[in-house]
PDB file of N, CA and C in Angstrom:
ATOM      1  N   MET A   1       1.322  10.422 -11.384  1.00  0.00           N
ATOM      2  CA  MET A   1       0.379   9.599 -10.644  1.00  0.00           C
ATOM      3  C   MET A   1      -0.716   9.234 -11.536  1.00  0.00           C
ATOM      4  N   GLU A   2      -1.138   8.040 -11.574  1.00  0.00           N
ATOM      5  CA  GLU A   2      -2.223   7.630 -12.621  1.00  0.00           C
ATOM      6  C   GLU A   2      -3.272   6.884 -11.627  1.00  0.00           C
ATOM      7  N   THR A   3      -4.477   7.243 -11.948  1.00  0.00           N
ATOM      8  CA  THR A   3      -5.685   6.549 -11.209  1.00  0.00           C
ATOM      9  C   THR A   3      -6.617   5.784 -12.314  1.00  0.00           C
ATOM     10  N   PHE A   4      -7.097   4.613 -11.768  1.00  0.00           N
ATOM     11  CA  PHE A   4      -8.016   3.949 -12.650  1.00  0.00           C
ATOM     12  C   PHE A   4      -9.224   3.411 -11.841  1.00  0.00           C
ATOM     13  N   ASP A   5     -10.361   3.501 -12.275  1.00  0.00           N
ATOM     14  CA  ASP A   5     -11.554   3.023 -11.667  1.00  0.00           C
ATOM     15  C   ASP A   5     -11.567   1.481 -11.848  1.00  0.00           C
ATOM     16  N   ILE A   6     -11.559   0.694 -10.882  1.00  0.00           N
ATOM     17  CA  ILE A   6     -11.505  -0.804 -10.968  1.00  0.00           C
ATOM     18  C   ILE A   6     -13.121  -1.214 -10.762  1.00  0.00           C
ATOM     19  N   ILE A   7     -13.361  -1.937 -11.925  1.00  0.00           N
ATOM     20  CA  ILE A   7     -14.784  -2.501 -11.976  1.00  0.00           C
ATOM     21  C   ILE A   7     -14.979  -3.974 -11.640  1.00  0.00           C
ATOM     22  N   THR A   8     -13.846  -4.629 -11.829  1.00  0.00           N
ATOM     23  CA  THR A   8     -13.824  -6.164 -11.281  1.00  0.00           C
ATOM     24  C   THR A   8     -12.458  -6.381 -10.591  1.00  0.00           C
ATOM     25  N   LEU A   9     -12.545  -7.238  -9.550  1.00  0.00           N
ATOM     26  CA  LEU A   9     -11.235  -7.363  -8.762  1.00  0.00           C
ATOM     27  C   LEU A   9     -11.397  -8.818  -8.132  1.00  0.00           C
ATOM     28  N   GLU A  10     -10.532  -9.715  -8.531  1.00  0.00           N
ATOM     29  CA  GLU A  10     -10.402 -10.930  -7.975  1.00  0.00           C
ATOM     30  C   GLU A  10      -9.097 -11.172  -7.263  1.00  0.00           C
ATOM     31  N   ILE A  11      -9.080 -11.727  -6.028  1.00  0.00           N
ATOM     32  CA  ILE A  11      -8.054 -12.101  -5.259  1.00  0.00           C
ATOM     33  C   ILE A  11      -7.888 -13.577  -4.998  1.00  0.00           C
ATOM     34  N   THR A  12      -6.507 -13.802  -4.852  1.00  0.00           N
ATOM     35  CA  THR A  12      -6.359 -15.235  -4.575  1.00  0.00           C
ATOM     36  C   THR A  12      -5.306 -15.247  -3.216  1.00  0.00           C
ATOM     37  N   TYR A  13      -5.810 -16.062  -2.234  1.00  0.00           N
ATOM     38  CA  TYR A  13      -5.115 -16.068  -0.916  1.00  0.00           C
ATOM     39  C   TYR A  13      -5.381 -17.549  -0.332  1.00  0.00           C
ATOM     40  N   GLN A  14      -4.342 -17.906   0.318  1.00  0.00           N
ATOM     41  CA  GLN A  14      -4.412 -19.236   0.976  1.00  0.00           C
ATOM     42  C   GLN A  14      -5.089 -20.384   0.184  1.00  0.00           C
ATOM     43  N   HIS A  15      -4.689 -20.307  -1.082  1.00  0.00           N
ATOM     44  CA  HIS A  15      -5.202 -21.410  -2.071  1.00  0.00           C
ATOM     45  C   HIS A  15      -6.720 -21.380  -2.398  1.00  0.00           C
ATOM     46  N   GLN A  16      -7.281 -20.079  -2.157  1.00  0.00           N
ATOM     47  CA  GLN A  16      -8.618 -19.742  -2.418  1.00  0.00           C
ATOM     48  C   GLN A  16      -8.700 -18.494  -3.305  1.00  0.00           C
ATOM     49  N   THR A  17      -9.711 -18.466  -4.142  1.00  0.00           N
ATOM     50  CA  THR A  17      -9.955 -17.336  -5.032  1.00  0.00           C
ATOM     51  C   THR A  17     -11.275 -16.678  -4.729  1.00  0.00           C
ATOM     52  N   ALA A  18     -11.394 -15.384  -4.685  1.00  0.00           N
ATOM     53  CA  ALA A  18     -12.603 -14.593  -4.343  1.00  0.00           C
ATOM     54  C   ALA A  18     -12.828 -13.606  -5.339  1.00  0.00           C
ATOM     55  N   LYS A  19     -13.962 -13.406  -5.957  1.00  0.00           N
ATOM     56  CA  LYS A  19     -14.198 -12.100  -6.716  1.00  0.00           C
ATOM     57  C   LYS A  19     -15.083 -11.167  -5.751  1.00  0.00           C
ATOM     58  N   LEU A  20     -14.349 -10.027  -5.617  1.00  0.00           N
ATOM     59  CA  LEU A  20     -14.977  -9.188  -4.554  1.00  0.00           C
ATOM     60  C   LEU A  20     -16.090  -8.436  -5.153  1.00  0.00           C
ATOM     61  N   ALA A  21     -17.202  -8.054  -4.316  1.00  0.00           N
ATOM     62  CA  ALA A  21     -18.190  -7.341  -4.627  1.00  0.00           C
ATOM     63  C   ALA A  21     -18.206  -6.003  -3.739  1.00  0.00           C
ATOM     64  N   TYR A  22     -18.261  -4.920  -4.300  1.00  0.00           N
ATOM     65  CA  TYR A  22     -18.028  -3.516  -3.664  1.00  0.00           C
ATOM     66  C   TYR A  22     -18.563  -2.431  -4.419  1.00  0.00           C
ATOM     67  N   THR A  23     -18.723  -1.356  -3.724  1.00  0.00           N
ATOM     68  CA  THR A  23     -19.321  -0.124  -4.398  1.00  0.00           C
ATOM     69  C   THR A  23     -18.404   0.680  -5.451  1.00  0.00           C
ATOM     70  N   SER A  24     -17.195   0.697  -4.951  1.00  0.00           N
ATOM     71  CA  SER A  24     -16.225   1.480  -5.589  1.00  0.00           C
ATOM     72  C   SER A  24     -14.735   0.927  -5.318  1.00  0.00           C
ATOM     73  N   ALA A  25     -13.930   0.969  -6.243  1.00  0.00           N
ATOM     74  CA  ALA A  25     -12.540   0.841  -6.148  1.00  0.00           C
ATOM     75  C   ALA A  25     -11.674   1.751  -7.022  1.00  0.00           C
ATOM     76  N   GLU A  26     -10.553   2.029  -6.573  1.00  0.00           N
ATOM     77  CA  GLU A  26      -9.608   2.837  -7.333  1.00  0.00           C
ATOM     78  C   GLU A  26      -8.220   2.358  -7.251  1.00  0.00           C
ATOM     79  N   LEU A  27      -7.557   2.073  -8.347  1.00  0.00           N
ATOM     80  CA  LEU A  27      -6.147   1.738  -8.344  1.00  0.00           C
ATOM     81  C   LEU A  27      -5.205   3.153  -8.501  1.00  0.00           C
ATOM     82  N   VAL A  28      -4.276   3.312  -7.716  1.00  0.00           N
ATOM     83  CA  VAL A  28      -3.377   4.540  -7.852  1.00  0.00           C
ATOM     84  C   VAL A  28      -2.014   3.872  -7.995  1.00  0.00           C
ATOM     85  N   ARG A  29      -1.442   4.268  -9.050  1.00  0.00           N
ATOM     86  CA  ARG A  29      -0.116   3.982  -9.510  1.00  0.00           C
ATOM     87  C   ARG A  29       0.678   5.320  -9.552  1.00  0.00           C
ATOM     88  N   VAL A  30       1.866   5.262  -8.783  1.00  0.00           N
ATOM     89  CA  VAL A  30       2.636   6.413  -8.554  1.00  0.00           C
ATOM     90  C   VAL A  30       4.173   6.025  -9.127  1.00  0.00           C
ATOM     91  N   THR A  31       4.541   6.888  -9.937  1.00  0.00           N
ATOM     92  CA  THR A  31       6.046   6.741 -10.443  1.00  0.00           C
ATOM     93  C   THR A  31       6.787   7.942  -9.896  1.00  0.00           C
ATOM     94  N   GLU A  32       7.823   7.679  -9.105  1.00  0.00           N
ATOM     95  CA  GLU A  32       8.613   8.768  -8.638  1.00  0.00           C
ATOM     96  C   GLU A  32      10.168   8.200  -8.818  1.00  0.00           C
ATOM     97  N   TYR A  33      10.990   9.133  -9.415  1.00  0.00           N
ATOM     98  CA  TYR A  33      12.380   8.828  -9.424  1.00  0.00           C
ATOM     99  C   TYR A  33      12.668   7.362 -10.078  1.00  0.00           C
ATOM    100  N   GLY A  34      11.737   6.949 -10.927  1.00  0.00           N
ATOM    101  CA  GLY A  34      11.849   5.609 -11.638  1.00  0.00           C
ATOM    102  C   GLY A  34      11.335   4.353 -10.955  1.00  0.00           C
ATOM    103  N   ASP A  35      10.908   4.715  -9.646  1.00  0.00           N
ATOM    104  CA  ASP A  35      10.182   3.647  -8.887  1.00  0.00           C
ATOM    105  C   ASP A  35       8.757   3.770  -8.982  1.00  0.00           C
ATOM    106  N   ARG A  36       8.009   2.555  -8.977  1.00  0.00           N
ATOM    107  CA  ARG A  36       6.648   2.590  -9.098  1.00  0.00           C
ATOM    108  C   ARG A  36       5.857   1.932  -7.922  1.00  0.00           C
ATOM    109  N   LEU A  37       5.159   2.688  -7.355  1.00  0.00           N
ATOM    110  CA  LEU A  37       4.353   2.190  -6.293  1.00  0.00           C
ATOM    111  C   LEU A  37       2.964   2.082  -6.553  1.00  0.00           C
ATOM    112  N   TRP A  38       2.090   1.185  -5.983  1.00  0.00           N
ATOM    113  CA  TRP A  38       0.749   1.087  -6.359  1.00  0.00           C
ATOM    114  C   TRP A  38      -0.042   0.579  -5.144  1.00  0.00           C
ATOM    115  N   TYR A  39      -1.369   1.025  -5.200  1.00  0.00           N
ATOM    116  CA  TYR A  39      -2.250   0.542  -4.116  1.00  0.00           C
ATOM    117  C   TYR A  39      -3.615   0.634  -4.693  1.00  0.00           C
ATOM    118  N   ILE A  40      -4.641  -0.265  -4.053  1.00  0.00           N
ATOM    119  CA  ILE A  40      -6.070  -0.093  -4.548  1.00  0.00           C
ATOM    120  C   ILE A  40      -6.849   0.203  -3.178  1.00  0.00           C
ATOM    121  N   ASP A  41      -7.569   1.306  -3.244  1.00  0.00           N
ATOM    122  CA  ASP A  41      -8.547   1.533  -2.245  1.00  0.00           C
ATOM    123  C   ASP A  41     -10.030   0.939  -2.713  1.00  0.00           C
ATOM    124  N   ILE A  42     -10.568   0.203  -1.702  1.00  0.00           N
ATOM    125  CA  ILE A  42     -11.947  -0.535  -2.010  1.00  0.00           C
ATOM    126  C   ILE A  42     -12.880   0.067  -0.922  1.00  0.00           C
ATOM    127  N   ASN A  43     -14.045   0.450  -1.389  1.00  0.00           N
ATOM    128  CA  ASN A  43     -14.988   0.898  -0.569  1.00  0.00           C
ATOM    129  C   ASN A  43     -16.332   0.065  -0.791  1.00  0.00           C
ATOM    130  N   GLY A  44     -17.160  -0.057   0.226  1.00  0.00           N
ATOM    131  CA  GLY A  44     -18.440  -0.903   0.285  1.00  0.00           C
ATOM    132  C   GLY A  44     -18.239  -2.172   0.066  1.00  0.00           C
ATOM    133  N   VAL A  45     -17.276  -2.893   0.695  1.00  0.00           N
ATOM    134  CA  VAL A  45     -17.157  -4.383   0.494  1.00  0.00           C
ATOM    135  C   VAL A  45     -18.093  -5.119   1.094  1.00  0.00           C
ATOM    136  N   VAL A  46     -18.716  -5.813   0.285  1.00  0.00           N
ATOM    137  CA  VAL A  46     -19.991  -6.714   0.765  1.00  0.00           C
ATOM    138  C   VAL A  46     -19.627  -7.807   1.754  1.00  0.00           C
ATOM    139  N   ASP A  47     -18.495  -8.586   1.405  1.00  0.00           N
ATOM    140  CA  ASP A  47     -18.280  -9.816   2.201  1.00  0.00           C
ATOM    141  C   ASP A  47     -17.639  -9.530   3.487  1.00  0.00           C
ATOM    142  N   ARG A  48     -18.561  -9.279   4.422  1.00  0.00           N
ATOM    143  CA  ARG A  48     -18.046  -9.109   5.897  1.00  0.00           C
ATOM    144  C   ARG A  48     -17.105 -10.236   6.325  1.00  0.00           C
ATOM    145  N   GLU A  49     -17.468 -11.385   6.044  1.00  0.00           N
ATOM    146  CA  GLU A  49     -16.667 -12.475   6.590  1.00  0.00           C
ATOM    147  C   GLU A  49     -15.222 -12.620   5.934  1.00  0.00           C
ATOM    148  N   LEU A  50     -15.117 -12.113   4.843  1.00  0.00           N
ATOM    149  CA  LEU A  50     -13.722 -12.051   4.111  1.00  0.00           C
ATOM    150  C   LEU A  50     -12.844 -10.911   4.876  1.00  0.00           C
ATOM    151  N   LEU A  51     -13.652  -9.741   5.254  1.00  0.00           N
ATOM    152  CA  LEU A  51     -12.942  -8.640   5.853  1.00  0.00           C
ATOM    153  C   LEU A  51     -12.383  -9.194   7.237  1.00  0.00           C
ATOM    154  N   ALA A  52     -13.343  -9.919   7.995  1.00  0.00           N
ATOM    155  CA  ALA A  52     -12.998 -10.339   9.255  1.00  0.00           C
ATOM    156  C   ALA A  52     -11.959 -11.414   9.217  1.00  0.00           C
ATOM    157  N   TRP A  53     -11.943 -12.218   8.267  1.00  0.00           N
ATOM    158  CA  TRP A  53     -10.715 -13.220   8.199  1.00  0.00           C
ATOM    159  C   TRP A  53      -9.534 -12.529   7.973  1.00  0.00           C
ATOM    160  N   PHE A  54      -9.415 -11.609   7.055  1.00  0.00           N
ATOM    161  CA  PHE A  54      -8.086 -10.876   6.915  1.00  0.00           C
ATOM    162  C   PHE A  54      -7.758 -10.025   8.125  1.00  0.00           C
ATOM    163  N   GLY A  55      -8.911  -9.628   8.882  1.00  0.00           N
ATOM    164  CA  GLY A  55      -8.599  -8.831  10.176  1.00  0.00           C
ATOM    165  C   GLY A  55      -8.002  -9.683  11.197  1.00  0.00           C
ATOM    166  N   GLN A  56      -8.012 -10.974  11.245  1.00  0.00           N
ATOM    167  CA  GLN A  56      -7.642 -11.818  12.151  1.00  0.00           C
ATOM    168  C   GLN A  56      -6.421 -12.615  11.696  1.00  0.00           C
ATOM    169  N   SER A  57      -6.080 -12.584  10.365  1.00  0.00           N
ATOM    170  CA  SER A  57      -5.071 -13.381   9.705  1.00  0.00           C
ATOM    171  C   SER A  57      -3.744 -12.786   9.989  1.00  0.00           C
ATOM    172  N   GLU A  58      -2.631 -13.537  10.200  1.00  0.00           N
ATOM    173  CA  GLU A  58      -1.344 -13.049  10.186  1.00  0.00           C
ATOM    174  C   GLU A  58      -0.846 -12.894   8.605  1.00  0.00           C
ATOM    175  N   ASN A  59      -1.451 -13.808   7.779  1.00  0.00           N
ATOM    176  CA  ASN A  59      -0.886 -13.843   6.538  1.00  0.00           C
ATOM    177  C   ASN A  59      -1.932 -13.099   5.551  1.00  0.00           C
ATOM    178  N   ILE A  60      -1.618 -11.796   5.151  1.00  0.00           N
ATOM    179  CA  ILE A  60      -2.532 -11.037   4.233  1.00  0.00           C
ATOM    180  C   ILE A  60      -2.081 -10.846   2.847  1.00  0.00           C
ATOM    181  N   ALA A  61      -1.057 -11.722   2.515  1.00  0.00           N
ATOM    182  CA  ALA A  61      -0.571 -11.665   1.114  1.00  0.00           C
ATOM    183  C   ALA A  61      -1.686 -12.165   0.156  1.00  0.00           C
ATOM    184  N   ILE A  62      -1.736 -11.481  -0.965  1.00  0.00           N
ATOM    185  CA  ILE A  62      -2.636 -11.995  -2.071  1.00  0.00           C
ATOM    186  C   ILE A  62      -2.062 -11.842  -3.308  1.00  0.00           C
ATOM    187  N   GLU A  63      -2.599 -12.389  -4.326  1.00  0.00           N
ATOM    188  CA  GLU A  63      -2.436 -12.154  -5.796  1.00  0.00           C
ATOM    189  C   GLU A  63      -3.613 -11.596  -6.291  1.00  0.00           C
ATOM    190  N   LEU A  64      -3.675 -10.709  -7.237  1.00  0.00           N
ATOM    191  CA  LEU A  64      -4.894  -9.995  -7.706  1.00  0.00           C
ATOM    192  C   LEU A  64      -4.955  -9.944  -9.243  1.00  0.00           C
ATOM    193  N   LEU A  65      -6.139  -9.990  -9.833  1.00  0.00           N
ATOM    194  CA  LEU A  65      -6.401  -9.536 -11.037  1.00  0.00           C
ATOM    195  C   LEU A  65      -7.495  -8.430 -11.117  1.00  0.00           C
ATOM    196  N   ALA A  66      -7.355  -7.277 -11.569  1.00  0.00           N
ATOM    197  CA  ALA A  66      -8.014  -6.119 -11.455  1.00  0.00           C
ATOM    198  C   ALA A  66      -8.444  -5.728 -12.951  1.00  0.00           C
ATOM    199  N   GLY A  67      -9.721  -5.472 -13.193  1.00  0.00           N
ATOM    200  CA  GLY A  67     -10.181  -4.939 -14.509  1.00  0.00           C
ATOM    201  C   GLY A  67     -10.607  -3.553 -14.305  1.00  0.00           C
ATOM    202  N   ALA A  68      -9.986  -2.672 -15.110  1.00  0.00           N
ATOM    203  CA  ALA A  68     -10.404  -1.251 -15.119  1.00  0.00           C
ATOM    204  C   ALA A  68     -11.557  -0.814 -15.985  1.00  0.00           C
ATOM    205  N   ARG A  69     -12.128   0.292 -15.608  1.00  0.00           N
ATOM    206  CA  ARG A  69     -13.257   0.722 -16.637  1.00  0.00           C
ATOM    207  C   ARG A  69     -12.761   1.071 -17.980  1.00  0.00           C
ATOM    208  N   SER A  70     -11.497   1.438 -17.963  1.00  0.00           N
ATOM    209  CA  SER A  70     -10.808   1.743 -19.317  1.00  0.00           C
ATOM    210  C   SER A  70     -10.524   0.491 -20.305  1.00  0.00           C
ATOM    211  N   GLY A  71     -10.858  -0.670 -19.763  1.00  0.00           N
ATOM    212  CA  GLY A  71     -10.644  -1.902 -20.491  1.00  0.00           C
ATOM    213  C   GLY A  71      -9.294  -2.694 -20.190  1.00  0.00           C
ATOM    214  N   GLN A  72      -8.410  -2.033 -19.196  1.00  0.00           N
ATOM    215  CA  GLN A  72      -7.191  -2.517 -19.096  1.00  0.00           C
ATOM    216  C   GLN A  72      -7.247  -3.360 -17.917  1.00  0.00           C
ATOM    217  N   PHE A  73      -6.384  -4.449 -17.878  1.00  0.00           N
ATOM    218  CA  PHE A  73      -6.337  -5.384 -16.759  1.00  0.00           C
ATOM    219  C   PHE A  73      -4.959  -5.314 -16.270  1.00  0.00           C
ATOM    220  N   PHE A  74      -4.848  -5.525 -14.809  1.00  0.00           N
ATOM    221  CA  PHE A  74      -3.638  -5.552 -13.991  1.00  0.00           C
ATOM    222  C   PHE A  74      -3.570  -6.766 -13.298  1.00  0.00           C
ATOM    223  N   ARG A  75      -2.309  -7.213 -13.078  1.00  0.00           N
ATOM    224  CA  ARG A  75      -2.049  -8.499 -12.292  1.00  0.00           C
ATOM    225  C   ARG A  75      -0.822  -8.168 -11.388  1.00  0.00           C
ATOM    226  N   GLY A  76      -0.981  -8.632 -10.022  1.00  0.00           N
ATOM    227  CA  GLY A  76       0.157  -8.210  -9.160  1.00  0.00           C
ATOM    228  C   GLY A  76      -0.080  -8.990  -7.815  1.00  0.00           C
ATOM    229  N   ARG A  77       0.899  -8.607  -6.951  1.00  0.00           N
ATOM    230  CA  ARG A  77       0.784  -9.268  -5.586  1.00  0.00           C
ATOM    231  C   ARG A  77       0.845  -8.038  -4.622  1.00  0.00           C
ATOM    232  N   GLY A  78       0.229  -8.229  -3.584  1.00  0.00           N
ATOM    233  CA  GLY A  78       0.092  -7.343  -2.489  1.00  0.00           C
ATOM    234  C   GLY A  78      -0.361  -7.787  -1.205  1.00  0.00           C
ATOM    235  N   TYR A  79      -0.785  -6.887  -0.329  1.00  0.00           N
ATOM    236  CA  TYR A  79      -1.230  -7.134   0.948  1.00  0.00           C
ATOM    237  C   TYR A  79      -2.576  -6.579   1.142  1.00  0.00           C
ATOM    238  N   PHE A  80      -3.460  -7.328   1.802  1.00  0.00           N
ATOM    239  CA  PHE A  80      -4.929  -6.983   1.785  1.00  0.00           C
ATOM    240  C   PHE A  80      -5.116  -6.378   3.406  1.00  0.00           C
ATOM    241  N   HIS A  81      -5.395  -5.164   3.430  1.00  0.00           N
ATOM    242  CA  HIS A  81      -5.535  -4.581   4.625  1.00  0.00           C
ATOM    243  C   HIS A  81      -7.065  -4.284   4.929  1.00  0.00           C
ATOM    244  N   PRO A  82      -7.777  -4.934   5.622  1.00  0.00           N
ATOM    245  CA  PRO A  82      -9.195  -4.751   5.863  1.00  0.00           C
ATOM    246  C   PRO A  82      -9.664  -3.546   6.778  1.00  0.00           C
ATOM    247  N   ASN A  83     -10.637  -2.966   6.584  1.00  0.00           N
ATOM    248  CA  ASN A  83     -11.141  -1.935   7.534  1.00  0.00           C
ATOM    249  C   ASN A  83     -12.726  -2.339   7.727  1.00  0.00           C
ATOM    250  N   GLU A  84     -12.778  -3.284   8.668  1.00  0.00           N
ATOM    251  CA  GLU A  84     -14.152  -3.766   8.898  1.00  0.00           C
ATOM    252  C   GLU A  84     -15.267  -2.860   9.388  1.00  0.00           C
ATOM    253  N   LEU A  85     -14.916  -1.809  10.081  1.00  0.00           N
ATOM    254  CA  LEU A  85     -15.765  -0.847  10.537  1.00  0.00           C
ATOM    255  C   LEU A  85     -16.380  -0.199   9.449  1.00  0.00           C
ATOM    256  N   HIS A  86     -15.611   0.269   8.513  1.00  0.00           N
ATOM    257  CA  HIS A  86     -16.143   0.954   7.362  1.00  0.00           C
ATOM    258  C   HIS A  86     -16.459   0.061   6.105  1.00  0.00           C
ATOM    259  N   GLN A  87     -16.327  -1.227   6.249  1.00  0.00           N
ATOM    260  CA  GLN A  87     -16.577  -2.088   5.158  1.00  0.00           C
ATOM    261  C   GLN A  87     -15.698  -1.731   3.907  1.00  0.00           C
ATOM    262  N   ALA A  88     -14.415  -1.566   4.223  1.00  0.00           N
ATOM    263  CA  ALA A  88     -13.436  -1.132   3.109  1.00  0.00           C
ATOM    264  C   ALA A  88     -12.177  -1.934   3.325  1.00  0.00           C
ATOM    265  N   ALA A  89     -11.353  -1.819   2.355  1.00  0.00           N
ATOM    266  CA  ALA A  89     -10.090  -2.221   2.294  1.00  0.00           C
ATOM    267  C   ALA A  89      -9.083  -1.495   1.462  1.00  0.00           C
ATOM    268  N   ALA A  90      -7.975  -1.820   1.815  1.00  0.00           N
ATOM    269  CA  ALA A  90      -6.712  -1.172   0.967  1.00  0.00           C
ATOM    270  C   ALA A  90      -5.849  -2.478   0.477  1.00  0.00           C
ATOM    271  N   ILE A  91      -5.428  -2.504  -0.679  1.00  0.00           N
ATOM    272  CA  ILE A  91      -4.433  -3.482  -1.236  1.00  0.00           C
ATOM    273  C   ILE A  91      -3.138  -2.555  -1.481  1.00  0.00           C
ATOM    274  N   ARG A  92      -2.150  -3.002  -0.629  1.00  0.00           N
ATOM    275  CA  ARG A  92      -0.897  -2.340  -1.041  1.00  0.00           C
ATOM    276  C   ARG A  92       0.043  -3.338  -1.786  1.00  0.00           C
ATOM    277  N   GLY A  93       0.425  -2.626  -2.932  1.00  0.00           N
ATOM    278  CA  GLY A  93       1.259  -3.382  -3.759  1.00  0.00           C
ATOM    279  C   GLY A  93       2.602  -3.824  -3.309  1.00  0.00           C
ATOM    280  N   ASP A  94       3.077  -5.092  -3.777  1.00  0.00           N
ATOM    281  CA  ASP A  94       4.439  -5.563  -3.395  1.00  0.00           C
ATOM    282  C   ASP A  94       5.001  -5.990  -4.699  1.00  0.00           C
ATOM    283  N   GLY A  95       5.829  -5.111  -5.293  1.00  0.00           N
ATOM    284  CA  GLY A  95       6.362  -5.395  -6.539  1.00  0.00           C
ATOM    285  C   GLY A  95       5.675  -4.734  -7.561  1.00  0.00           C
ATOM    286  N   GLU A  96       5.960  -5.291  -8.805  1.00  0.00           N
ATOM    287  CA  GLU A  96       5.567  -4.745 -10.057  1.00  0.00           C
ATOM    288  C   GLU A  96       4.072  -5.141 -10.252  1.00  0.00           C
ATOM    289  N   LEU A  97       3.374  -4.115 -10.843  1.00  0.00           N
ATOM    290  CA  LEU A  97       1.944  -4.334 -11.245  1.00  0.00           C
ATOM    291  C   LEU A  97       2.133  -4.426 -12.679  1.00  0.00           C
ATOM    292  N   ILE A  98       1.627  -5.677 -13.186  1.00  0.00           N
ATOM    293  CA  ILE A  98       1.652  -5.982 -14.582  1.00  0.00           C
ATOM    294  C   ILE A  98       0.506  -5.486 -15.291  1.00  0.00           C
ATOM    295  N   GLU A  99       0.564  -4.681 -16.392  1.00  0.00           N
ATOM    296  CA  GLU A  99      -0.601  -4.406 -17.155  1.00  0.00           C
ATOM    297  C   GLU A  99      -0.658  -5.470 -18.209  1.00  0.00           C
ATOM    298  N   GLN A 100      -2.060  -5.939 -18.439  1.00  0.00           N
ATOM    299  CA  GLN A 100      -2.099  -6.966 -19.423  1.00  0.00           C
ATOM    300  C   GLN A 100      -2.951  -6.487 -20.696  1.00  0.00           C
TER     301      GLN A 100
END
């Protein structure tokens, strides 16, 4: 398992792009038996309207570009799961996470 502190996060959904403002985010990449799973946990999401939109939407698919504190960038597709009550969200990866 590898973890990365994410310092920039941009998502594209429904032909819109949003740069998220948040207090902390962590990318977790898990490799087991040759398969790779990944997810990003985001805390302190500032944009409550965005969380509400995803909370009411049936289409939560996104594309993302994430920048890590280490200087690495990651690109992938996933699903945005909001937690409006705690101003948080999780992005669950769908397929390969490409390191750039």
